[in-house]
Amino acid sequence: SVAAVRGAGGEDGDPEGGGARPRVVYRMPGAEAAVDEAFDAVVCATQPQAARALVKGGCRELYEGLDGFEYEESVVIVHHDARLMPRHVDDWAPMNVLLSSGDRAMFTMWCSEASERWRDDGVADKRASLFQTWNPFLHLEGSGERVAGLDVPPLDGEEKRIVFERPVFSLATLGALDKLRAAQGKNGIFLAGAYARRAIPLQESGVVSAMAVCEALGVKVPWAGETLDRAALLDKYRRRESPEEAWLRRALLAGSAAGLGASWYLLYRPRGESG
C-alpha cells in the first residue's frame, strides 16, 4: 500500500529539501518495513479523495485542487430480488430506472438480459434472474416504510453489496479542475482518473485523462489517432440537403409566414374596416 508521495525537490517541492525526483513511500504485501523509493514521475490513478491524501506533502497546488471536490455515497447490490424491478414483468427492460415519491432514483440492470455472458436459460421464472441495482430503495411490506441505500435489508439471493464514494460534479468542481490542470505534472506528480476531465465521469474519461498523462511524459499512445470525433462522425453520415430541397424549405417557410401574417390581420384588424 502507498503511504505518501513526495514531490521532486523535497517536501512540497522545496528545493532545499533535496531530491531531484519524486519519491513514493510504500509497503509491499506481507512486508513489515516501508520502502522509500525515487521515480522519474509518479501517476496517481485513483479516486480524488485517495489522491488528495497521497499528495498532501508532495504538491500544494494539486492538494488544494483536490480539496475542491465533494462526495456522495453510492450503494450497488448484486442480487436476485425482483422487488427492485418494475412491478409488472411486461415492463421490464435490460436497463430500468425507478423513481421514488421523493427525489431519489434507483437504477437496476437486468443482467440476464443485458449480456449474453450473464444469460441463464435454465431459470424458468424471470423473477429469479440476476440483477444489479445502484442506489436501491425498497418499501417494506406491512409498514410501507421506505428504506434506501445501506438501510435496505438483505435482499433475496443477495450476492454482493458494495459502497462507493463518488465525487459530485458542480459549478464549484469546474474551478477545482482548472487548478488541477494548471498543476498537472508539478514536482513530477500527475493525476489520472474520470474526475480529472471536464466531462461526464465515466470510464472513457478516465482513459482519456491517462492518455493525456502519457503524452505529457512523452509516451505516444498507439491508438490515439484512431479515436473517433463523434461530431465529425455524425456530420459524415448526416444526409445533405439538395438545392431543390433547400429551395422548397425556404418557400414553405415564407408561405407559412405570409399565411400567419394574414391570419393575424384578419383577427385583429380595426373594427369597421372591411375585408
C-alpha atoms as a PDB file:
ATOM      1  CA  SER A   1       0.000   0.000   0.000  1.00  0.00           C
ATOM      2  CA  VAL A   2       1.155   3.548  -0.734  1.00  0.00           C
ATOM      3  CA  ALA A   3       1.501   5.861   2.249  1.00  0.00           C
ATOM      4  CA  ALA A   4       2.710   9.115   0.695  1.00  0.00           C
ATOM      5  CA  VAL A   5       4.041  10.777  -2.435  1.00  0.00           C
ATOM      6  CA  ARG A   6       6.792  13.368  -2.084  1.00  0.00           C
ATOM      7  CA  GLY A   7       7.325  15.823  -4.899  1.00  0.00           C
ATOM      8  CA  ALA A   8      10.642  16.365  -6.634  1.00  0.00           C
ATOM      9  CA  GLY A   9      12.645  18.833  -4.578  1.00  0.00           C
ATOM     10  CA  GLY A  10      11.508  17.531  -1.213  1.00  0.00           C
ATOM     11  CA  GLU A  11       8.521  18.363   0.990  1.00  0.00           C
ATOM     12  CA  ASP A  12       6.026  20.327  -1.097  1.00  0.00           C
ATOM     13  CA  GLY A  13       8.648  20.976  -3.752  1.00  0.00           C
ATOM     14  CA  ASP A  14      11.068  22.887  -1.512  1.00  0.00           C
ATOM     15  CA  PRO A  15      14.390  22.896  -3.438  1.00  0.00           C
ATOM     16  CA  GLU A  16      16.308  22.822  -0.170  1.00  0.00           C
ATOM     17  CA  GLY A  17      14.585  19.600   0.796  1.00  0.00           C
ATOM     18  CA  GLY A  18      16.745  17.664  -1.677  1.00  0.00           C
ATOM     19  CA  GLY A  19      15.727  15.059  -4.190  1.00  0.00           C
ATOM     20  CA  ALA A  20      15.643  15.667  -7.928  1.00  0.00           C
ATOM     21  CA  ARG A  21      12.887  13.101  -8.483  1.00  0.00           C
ATOM     22  CA  PRO A  22       9.547  12.435  -6.806  1.00  0.00           C
ATOM     23  CA  ARG A  23       9.552   9.743  -4.136  1.00  0.00           C
ATOM     24  CA  VAL A  24       6.935   7.221  -3.033  1.00  0.00           C
ATOM     25  CA  VAL A  25       6.704   5.670   0.416  1.00  0.00           C
ATOM     26  CA  TYR A  26       5.002   2.280   0.173  1.00  0.00           C
ATOM     27  CA  ARG A  27       4.795  -1.135   1.829  1.00  0.00           C
ATOM     28  CA  MET A  28       4.642  -4.398  -0.100  1.00  0.00           C
ATOM     29  CA  PRO A  29       2.061  -7.024   0.966  1.00  0.00           C
ATOM     30  CA  GLY A  30       3.378  -9.042   3.890  1.00  0.00           C
ATOM     31  CA  ALA A  31       6.342  -6.727   4.487  1.00  0.00           C
ATOM     32  CA  GLU A  32       6.883  -5.032   7.843  1.00  0.00           C
ATOM     33  CA  ALA A  33       9.119  -2.175   6.726  1.00  0.00           C
ATOM     34  CA  ALA A  34       8.102   0.591   4.336  1.00  0.00           C
ATOM     35  CA  VAL A  35      10.144   1.429   1.253  1.00  0.00           C
ATOM     36  CA  ASP A  36      11.093   4.975   0.230  1.00  0.00           C
ATOM     37  CA  GLU A  37      11.876   4.924  -3.492  1.00  0.00           C
ATOM     38  CA  ALA A  38      12.537   7.592  -6.120  1.00  0.00           C
ATOM     39  CA  PHE A  39      10.832   7.549  -9.536  1.00  0.00           C
ATOM     40  CA  ASP A  40      11.109   9.601 -12.718  1.00  0.00           C
ATOM     41  CA  ALA A  41       7.429  10.504 -12.376  1.00  0.00           C
ATOM     42  CA  VAL A  42       4.506   9.453 -10.203  1.00  0.00           C
ATOM     43  CA  VAL A  43       0.973   8.964 -11.566  1.00  0.00           C
ATOM     44  CA  CYS A  44      -1.854   8.826  -9.015  1.00  0.00           C
ATOM     45  CA  ALA A  45      -4.595   6.890 -10.803  1.00  0.00           C
ATOM     46  CA  THR A  46      -7.140   6.652  -8.035  1.00  0.00           C
ATOM     47  CA  GLN A  47     -10.204   8.406  -6.650  1.00  0.00           C
ATOM     48  CA  PRO A  48      -9.650  12.112  -5.837  1.00  0.00           C
ATOM     49  CA  GLN A  49     -10.099  11.644  -2.080  1.00  0.00           C
ATOM     50  CA  ALA A  50      -7.350   8.991  -2.067  1.00  0.00           C
ATOM     51  CA  ALA A  51      -5.101  11.052  -4.349  1.00  0.00           C
ATOM     52  CA  ARG A  52      -5.538  14.053  -2.040  1.00  0.00           C
ATOM     53  CA  ALA A  53      -4.223  12.091   0.948  1.00  0.00           C
ATOM     54  CA  LEU A  54      -1.248  10.854  -1.081  1.00  0.00           C
ATOM     55  CA  VAL A  55      -0.071  14.207  -2.488  1.00  0.00           C
ATOM     56  CA  LYS A  56      -0.575  16.252   0.686  1.00  0.00           C
ATOM     57  CA  GLY A  57       3.171  16.658   1.182  1.00  0.00           C
ATOM     58  CA  GLY A  58       4.100  16.399  -2.477  1.00  0.00           C
ATOM     59  CA  CYS A  59       2.416  19.323  -4.226  1.00  0.00           C
ATOM     60  CA  ARG A  60       0.437  22.085  -2.558  1.00  0.00           C
ATOM     61  CA  GLU A  61      -1.360  23.104  -5.768  1.00  0.00           C
ATOM     62  CA  LEU A  62      -2.600  19.587  -6.534  1.00  0.00           C
ATOM     63  CA  TYR A  63      -3.666  19.131  -2.918  1.00  0.00           C
ATOM     64  CA  GLU A  64      -5.680  22.367  -2.957  1.00  0.00           C
ATOM     65  CA  GLY A  65      -7.281  21.448  -6.295  1.00  0.00           C
ATOM     66  CA  LEU A  66      -8.339  18.039  -4.978  1.00  0.00           C
ATOM     67  CA  ASP A  67      -9.791  19.758  -1.925  1.00  0.00           C
ATOM     68  CA  GLY A  68     -12.453  21.310  -4.177  1.00  0.00           C
ATOM     69  CA  PHE A  69     -14.424  18.080  -4.655  1.00  0.00           C
ATOM     70  CA  GLU A  70     -17.465  16.946  -2.688  1.00  0.00           C
ATOM     71  CA  TYR A  71     -18.508  13.316  -2.425  1.00  0.00           C
ATOM     72  CA  GLU A  72     -21.604  11.179  -2.075  1.00  0.00           C
ATOM     73  CA  GLU A  73     -22.122   7.571  -1.070  1.00  0.00           C
ATOM     74  CA  SER A  74     -23.357   5.160  -3.717  1.00  0.00           C
ATOM     75  CA  VAL A  75     -24.553   1.623  -2.955  1.00  0.00           C
ATOM     76  CA  VAL A  76     -24.518  -1.209  -5.515  1.00  0.00           C
ATOM     77  CA  ILE A  77     -26.118  -4.613  -4.852  1.00  0.00           C
ATOM     78  CA  VAL A  78     -25.929  -7.769  -6.996  1.00  0.00           C
ATOM     79  CA  HIS A  79     -28.978  -9.906  -6.246  1.00  0.00           C
ATOM     80  CA  HIS A  80     -31.951 -11.985  -7.456  1.00  0.00           C
ATOM     81  CA  ASP A  81     -34.713  -9.899  -5.855  1.00  0.00           C
ATOM     82  CA  ALA A  82     -37.394  -8.793  -8.348  1.00  0.00           C
ATOM     83  CA  ARG A  83     -38.865  -6.309  -5.860  1.00  0.00           C
ATOM     84  CA  LEU A  84     -36.352  -3.764  -7.141  1.00  0.00           C
ATOM     85  CA  MET A  85     -37.646  -4.151 -10.709  1.00  0.00           C
ATOM     86  CA  PRO A  86     -40.830  -2.669 -12.227  1.00  0.00           C
ATOM     87  CA  ARG A  87     -43.920  -4.267 -10.707  1.00  0.00           C
ATOM     88  CA  HIS A  88     -45.122  -5.852 -13.956  1.00  0.00           C
ATOM     89  CA  VAL A  89     -42.736  -8.187 -15.785  1.00  0.00           C
ATOM     90  CA  ASP A  90     -44.020  -6.896 -19.141  1.00  0.00           C
ATOM     91  CA  ASP A  91     -42.498  -3.512 -18.237  1.00  0.00           C
ATOM     92  CA  TRP A  92     -39.035  -4.937 -17.655  1.00  0.00           C
ATOM     93  CA  ALA A  93     -36.133  -3.797 -19.821  1.00  0.00           C
ATOM     94  CA  PRO A  94     -32.397  -4.558 -19.692  1.00  0.00           C
ATOM     95  CA  MET A  95     -31.935  -1.141 -18.022  1.00  0.00           C
ATOM     96  CA  ASN A  96     -34.621   0.121 -15.603  1.00  0.00           C
ATOM     97  CA  VAL A  97     -34.954   3.426 -13.751  1.00  0.00           C
ATOM     98  CA  LEU A  98     -37.462   3.736 -10.907  1.00  0.00           C
ATOM     99  CA  LEU A  99     -38.289   6.993  -9.128  1.00  0.00           C
ATOM    100  CA  SER A 100     -39.471   7.238  -5.543  1.00  0.00           C
ATOM    101  CA  SER A 101     -42.052   9.714  -4.282  1.00  0.00           C
ATOM    102  CA  GLY A 102     -39.151  11.952  -3.328  1.00  0.00           C
ATOM    103  CA  ASP A 103     -36.175  12.865  -5.476  1.00  0.00           C
ATOM    104  CA  ARG A 104     -34.383   9.515  -5.328  1.00  0.00           C
ATOM    105  CA  ALA A 105     -33.736   7.477  -8.468  1.00  0.00           C
ATOM    106  CA  MET A 106     -32.858   3.776  -8.496  1.00  0.00           C
ATOM    107  CA  PHE A 107     -31.225   2.065 -11.469  1.00  0.00           C
ATOM    108  CA  THR A 108     -31.445  -1.713 -11.919  1.00  0.00           C
ATOM    109  CA  MET A 109     -29.780  -3.685 -14.688  1.00  0.00           C
ATOM    110  CA  TRP A 110     -31.439  -6.951 -15.678  1.00  0.00           C
ATOM    111  CA  CYS A 111     -28.121  -8.736 -16.118  1.00  0.00           C
ATOM    112  CA  SER A 112     -29.633 -11.912 -17.559  1.00  0.00           C
ATOM    113  CA  GLU A 113     -30.978  -9.871 -20.498  1.00  0.00           C
ATOM    114  CA  ALA A 114     -28.315  -7.171 -20.717  1.00  0.00           C
ATOM    115  CA  SER A 115     -25.470  -9.517 -21.669  1.00  0.00           C
ATOM    116  CA  GLU A 116     -25.109 -12.973 -23.177  1.00  0.00           C
ATOM    117  CA  ARG A 117     -22.435 -13.940 -20.636  1.00  0.00           C
ATOM    118  CA  TRP A 118     -24.942 -13.494 -17.791  1.00  0.00           C
ATOM    119  CA  ARG A 119     -27.841 -15.188 -19.541  1.00  0.00           C
ATOM    120  CA  ASP A 120     -29.260 -18.147 -17.658  1.00  0.00           C
ATOM    121  CA  ASP A 121     -31.683 -20.023 -19.883  1.00  0.00           C
ATOM    122  CA  GLY A 122     -32.189 -22.571 -17.123  1.00  0.00           C
ATOM    123  CA  VAL A 123     -34.108 -20.051 -14.990  1.00  0.00           C
ATOM    124  CA  ALA A 124     -37.797 -20.558 -15.716  1.00  0.00           C
ATOM    125  CA  ASP A 125     -39.016 -17.701 -13.520  1.00  0.00           C
ATOM    126  CA  LYS A 126     -37.801 -14.323 -14.732  1.00  0.00           C
ATOM    127  CA  ARG A 127     -38.151 -13.001 -11.195  1.00  0.00           C
ATOM    128  CA  ALA A 128     -35.225 -15.216 -10.189  1.00  0.00           C
ATOM    129  CA  SER A 129     -32.916 -13.578 -12.751  1.00  0.00           C
ATOM    130  CA  LEU A 130     -29.655 -11.842 -11.872  1.00  0.00           C
ATOM    131  CA  PHE A 131     -29.950  -8.102 -11.192  1.00  0.00           C
ATOM    132  CA  GLN A 132     -27.560  -5.295 -10.307  1.00  0.00           C
ATOM    133  CA  THR A 133     -29.014  -2.227  -8.594  1.00  0.00           C
ATOM    134  CA  TRP A 134     -27.485   1.190  -7.993  1.00  0.00           C
ATOM    135  CA  ASN A 135     -28.816   3.401  -5.185  1.00  0.00           C
ATOM    136  CA  PRO A 136     -31.520   0.922  -4.100  1.00  0.00           C
ATOM    137  CA  PHE A 137     -34.689   1.811  -2.243  1.00  0.00           C
ATOM    138  CA  LEU A 138     -37.420  -0.504  -1.063  1.00  0.00           C
ATOM    139  CA  HIS A 139     -40.860  -0.165   0.509  1.00  0.00           C
ATOM    140  CA  LEU A 140     -41.088  -2.619   3.391  1.00  0.00           C
ATOM    141  CA  GLU A 141     -44.027  -4.980   3.394  1.00  0.00           C
ATOM    142  CA  GLY A 142     -46.600  -4.297   6.075  1.00  0.00           C
ATOM    143  CA  SER A 143     -45.428  -0.880   7.259  1.00  0.00           C
ATOM    144  CA  GLY A 144     -44.872   0.563   3.776  1.00  0.00           C
ATOM    145  CA  GLU A 145     -41.832   2.388   5.139  1.00  0.00           C
ATOM    146  CA  ARG A 146     -39.275   3.302   2.507  1.00  0.00           C
ATOM    147  CA  VAL A 147     -35.658   2.397   3.188  1.00  0.00           C
ATOM    148  CA  ALA A 148     -32.750   3.308   0.955  1.00  0.00           C
ATOM    149  CA  GLY A 149     -29.047   2.726   0.472  1.00  0.00           C
ATOM    150  CA  LEU A 150     -27.342   0.813   3.255  1.00  0.00           C
ATOM    151  CA  ASP A 151     -30.625   0.695   5.193  1.00  0.00           C
ATOM    152  CA  VAL A 152     -32.072  -1.727   2.636  1.00  0.00           C
ATOM    153  CA  PRO A 153     -32.270  -5.131   4.411  1.00  0.00           C
ATOM    154  CA  PRO A 154     -30.648  -8.233   2.852  1.00  0.00           C
ATOM    155  CA  LEU A 155     -32.297  -8.961  -0.493  1.00  0.00           C
ATOM    156  CA  ASP A 156     -33.442 -12.295  -1.873  1.00  0.00           C
ATOM    157  CA  GLY A 157     -30.429 -14.057  -3.354  1.00  0.00           C
ATOM    158  CA  GLU A 158     -28.095 -11.170  -2.491  1.00  0.00           C
ATOM    159  CA  GLU A 159     -24.589 -11.972  -3.744  1.00  0.00           C
ATOM    160  CA  LYS A 160     -22.641  -8.768  -3.189  1.00  0.00           C
ATOM    161  CA  ARG A 161     -23.126  -5.330  -1.648  1.00  0.00           C
ATOM    162  CA  ILE A 162     -20.561  -2.606  -2.295  1.00  0.00           C
ATOM    163  CA  VAL A 163     -20.383   1.010  -1.138  1.00  0.00           C
ATOM    164  CA  PHE A 164     -18.655   3.562  -3.355  1.00  0.00           C
ATOM    165  CA  GLU A 165     -17.747   7.144  -2.563  1.00  0.00           C
ATOM    166  CA  ARG A 166     -18.004   9.147  -5.757  1.00  0.00           C
ATOM    167  CA  PRO A 167     -17.186  12.794  -6.494  1.00  0.00           C
ATOM    168  CA  VAL A 168     -20.158  15.095  -7.065  1.00  0.00           C
ATOM    169  CA  PHE A 169     -19.732  17.456 -10.009  1.00  0.00           C
ATOM    170  CA  SER A 170     -20.991  21.013  -9.633  1.00  0.00           C
ATOM    171  CA  LEU A 171     -20.049  24.531 -10.713  1.00  0.00           C
ATOM    172  CA  ALA A 172     -17.508  24.611  -7.867  1.00  0.00           C
ATOM    173  CA  THR A 173     -15.889  21.498  -9.324  1.00  0.00           C
ATOM    174  CA  LEU A 174     -15.002  23.392 -12.511  1.00  0.00           C
ATOM    175  CA  GLY A 175     -12.719  25.690 -10.529  1.00  0.00           C
ATOM    176  CA  ALA A 176     -11.054  22.687  -8.911  1.00  0.00           C
ATOM    177  CA  LEU A 177     -10.467  21.120 -12.341  1.00  0.00           C
ATOM    178  CA  ASP A 178      -8.818  24.334 -13.554  1.00  0.00           C
ATOM    179  CA  LYS A 179      -6.418  24.170 -10.590  1.00  0.00           C
ATOM    180  CA  LEU A 180      -5.599  20.536 -11.295  1.00  0.00           C
ATOM    181  CA  ARG A 181      -4.952  21.207 -14.970  1.00  0.00           C
ATOM    182  CA  ALA A 182      -2.580  24.069 -14.122  1.00  0.00           C
ATOM    183  CA  ALA A 183      -0.677  21.981 -11.548  1.00  0.00           C
ATOM    184  CA  GLN A 184      -0.585  18.722 -13.531  1.00  0.00           C
ATOM    185  CA  GLY A 185       2.975  17.351 -13.531  1.00  0.00           C
ATOM    186  CA  LYS A 186       4.327  19.807 -10.978  1.00  0.00           C
ATOM    187  CA  ASN A 187       7.050  18.267  -8.787  1.00  0.00           C
ATOM    188  CA  GLY A 188       6.848  15.200 -11.016  1.00  0.00           C
ATOM    189  CA  ILE A 189       3.329  14.234  -9.896  1.00  0.00           C
ATOM    190  CA  PHE A 190       0.444  13.557 -12.293  1.00  0.00           C
ATOM    191  CA  LEU A 191      -3.221  12.738 -11.710  1.00  0.00           C
ATOM    192  CA  ALA A 192      -5.351  10.408 -13.835  1.00  0.00           C
ATOM    193  CA  GLY A 193      -8.979   9.472 -13.397  1.00  0.00           C
ATOM    194  CA  ALA A 194     -12.506  10.007 -14.642  1.00  0.00           C
ATOM    195  CA  TYR A 195     -12.809  13.021 -12.318  1.00  0.00           C
ATOM    196  CA  ALA A 196      -9.773  14.765 -13.830  1.00  0.00           C
ATOM    197  CA  ARG A 197     -11.501  15.975 -17.016  1.00  0.00           C
ATOM    198  CA  ARG A 198     -14.329  18.370 -17.862  1.00  0.00           C
ATOM    199  CA  ALA A 199     -16.609  15.548 -18.944  1.00  0.00           C
ATOM    200  CA  ILE A 200     -19.101  13.033 -17.612  1.00  0.00           C
ATOM    201  CA  PRO A 201     -17.069  10.983 -15.088  1.00  0.00           C
ATOM    202  CA  LEU A 202     -17.224   7.654 -16.924  1.00  0.00           C
ATOM    203  CA  GLN A 203     -14.549   5.066 -17.717  1.00  0.00           C
ATOM    204  CA  GLU A 204     -13.912   6.705 -21.082  1.00  0.00           C
ATOM    205  CA  SER A 205     -12.997   9.969 -19.344  1.00  0.00           C
ATOM    206  CA  GLY A 206     -10.533   8.095 -17.140  1.00  0.00           C
ATOM    207  CA  VAL A 207      -8.867   6.576 -20.199  1.00  0.00           C
ATOM    208  CA  VAL A 208      -8.618   9.960 -21.937  1.00  0.00           C
ATOM    209  CA  SER A 209      -7.066  11.540 -18.824  1.00  0.00           C
ATOM    210  CA  ALA A 210      -4.494   8.712 -18.697  1.00  0.00           C
ATOM    211  CA  MET A 211      -3.699   9.270 -22.380  1.00  0.00           C
ATOM    212  CA  ALA A 212      -3.056  12.959 -21.633  1.00  0.00           C
ATOM    213  CA  VAL A 213      -0.606  11.976 -18.875  1.00  0.00           C
ATOM    214  CA  CYS A 214       1.176   9.608 -21.271  1.00  0.00           C
ATOM    215  CA  GLU A 215       1.558  12.377 -23.836  1.00  0.00           C
ATOM    216  CA  ALA A 216       2.879  14.758 -21.156  1.00  0.00           C
ATOM    217  CA  LEU A 217       5.519  12.143 -20.292  1.00  0.00           C
ATOM    218  CA  GLY A 218       6.500  11.796 -23.944  1.00  0.00           C
ATOM    219  CA  VAL A 219       4.821   8.423 -24.466  1.00  0.00           C
ATOM    220  CA  LYS A 220       2.892   8.069 -27.708  1.00  0.00           C
ATOM    221  CA  VAL A 221      -0.424   6.280 -27.308  1.00  0.00           C
ATOM    222  CA  PRO A 222      -0.632   3.751 -30.198  1.00  0.00           C
ATOM    223  CA  TRP A 223      -4.363   4.142 -30.746  1.00  0.00           C
ATOM    224  CA  ALA A 224      -4.532   7.927 -30.253  1.00  0.00           C
ATOM    225  CA  GLY A 225      -5.090   8.535 -33.962  1.00  0.00           C
ATOM    226  CA  GLU A 226      -7.918   6.017 -34.056  1.00  0.00           C
ATOM    227  CA  THR A 227     -10.172   7.772 -31.562  1.00  0.00           C
ATOM    228  CA  LEU A 228     -13.460   8.934 -33.031  1.00  0.00           C
ATOM    229  CA  ASP A 229     -14.552  12.525 -33.293  1.00  0.00           C
ATOM    230  CA  ARG A 230     -18.255  11.999 -32.606  1.00  0.00           C
ATOM    231  CA  ALA A 231     -19.266  15.322 -34.125  1.00  0.00           C
ATOM    232  CA  ALA A 232     -17.307  14.584 -37.302  1.00  0.00           C
ATOM    233  CA  LEU A 233     -18.772  11.093 -37.469  1.00  0.00           C
ATOM    234  CA  LEU A 234     -22.319  12.396 -37.227  1.00  0.00           C
ATOM    235  CA  ASP A 235     -21.580  15.078 -39.799  1.00  0.00           C
ATOM    236  CA  LYS A 236     -20.203  12.464 -42.181  1.00  0.00           C
ATOM    237  CA  TYR A 237     -23.364  10.389 -42.125  1.00  0.00           C
ATOM    238  CA  ARG A 238     -25.874  13.211 -41.898  1.00  0.00           C
ATOM    239  CA  ARG A 239     -27.852  13.420 -45.146  1.00  0.00           C
ATOM    240  CA  ARG A 240     -27.033  16.574 -47.064  1.00  0.00           C
ATOM    241  CA  GLU A 241     -29.880  18.815 -48.261  1.00  0.00           C
ATOM    242  CA  SER A 242     -30.099  19.131 -52.039  1.00  0.00           C
ATOM    243  CA  PRO A 243     -30.538  22.597 -53.663  1.00  0.00           C
ATOM    244  CA  GLU A 244     -34.110  21.685 -54.618  1.00  0.00           C
ATOM    245  CA  GLU A 245     -34.928  20.667 -51.055  1.00  0.00           C
ATOM    246  CA  ALA A 246     -33.384  23.856 -49.717  1.00  0.00           C
ATOM    247  CA  TRP A 247     -35.479  25.979 -52.111  1.00  0.00           C
ATOM    248  CA  LEU A 248     -38.659  24.099 -51.153  1.00  0.00           C
ATOM    249  CA  ARG A 249     -37.917  24.500 -47.436  1.00  0.00           C
ATOM    250  CA  ARG A 250     -37.413  28.263 -47.812  1.00  0.00           C
ATOM    251  CA  ALA A 251     -40.600  28.559 -49.901  1.00  0.00           C
ATOM    252  CA  LEU A 252     -42.635  26.706 -47.284  1.00  0.00           C
ATOM    253  CA  LEU A 253     -41.255  28.898 -44.510  1.00  0.00           C
ATOM    254  CA  ALA A 254     -42.043  32.052 -46.490  1.00  0.00           C
ATOM    255  CA  GLY A 255     -45.565  30.827 -47.269  1.00  0.00           C
ATOM    256  CA  SER A 256     -46.171  29.932 -43.629  1.00  0.00           C
ATOM    257  CA  ALA A 257     -45.010  33.360 -42.513  1.00  0.00           C
ATOM    258  CA  ALA A 258     -47.286  35.082 -45.052  1.00  0.00           C
ATOM    259  CA  GLY A 259     -50.268  32.966 -44.020  1.00  0.00           C
ATOM    260  CA  LEU A 260     -49.655  33.695 -40.340  1.00  0.00           C
ATOM    261  CA  GLY A 261     -49.448  37.415 -41.049  1.00  0.00           C
ATOM    262  CA  ALA A 262     -52.721  37.390 -42.993  1.00  0.00           C
ATOM    263  CA  SER A 263     -54.498  35.458 -40.244  1.00  0.00           C
ATOM    264  CA  TRP A 264     -53.232  37.900 -37.616  1.00  0.00           C
ATOM    265  CA  TYR A 265     -54.513  40.868 -39.639  1.00  0.00           C
ATOM    266  CA  LEU A 266     -57.974  39.340 -40.141  1.00  0.00           C
ATOM    267  CA  LEU A 267     -58.309  38.577 -36.441  1.00  0.00           C
ATOM    268  CA  TYR A 268     -57.084  41.896 -35.084  1.00  0.00           C
ATOM    269  CA  ARG A 269     -57.906  44.433 -37.819  1.00  0.00           C
ATOM    270  CA  PRO A 270     -59.675  47.621 -36.637  1.00  0.00           C
ATOM    271  CA  ARG A 271     -63.447  47.426 -36.350  1.00  0.00           C
ATOM    272  CA  GLY A 272     -65.391  48.826 -39.274  1.00  0.00           C
ATOM    273  CA  GLU A 273     -62.612  48.023 -41.688  1.00  0.00           C
ATOM    274  CA  SER A 274     -63.940  45.710 -44.365  1.00  0.00           C
ATOM    275  CA  GLY A 275     -62.049  42.963 -45.999  1.00  0.00           C
END
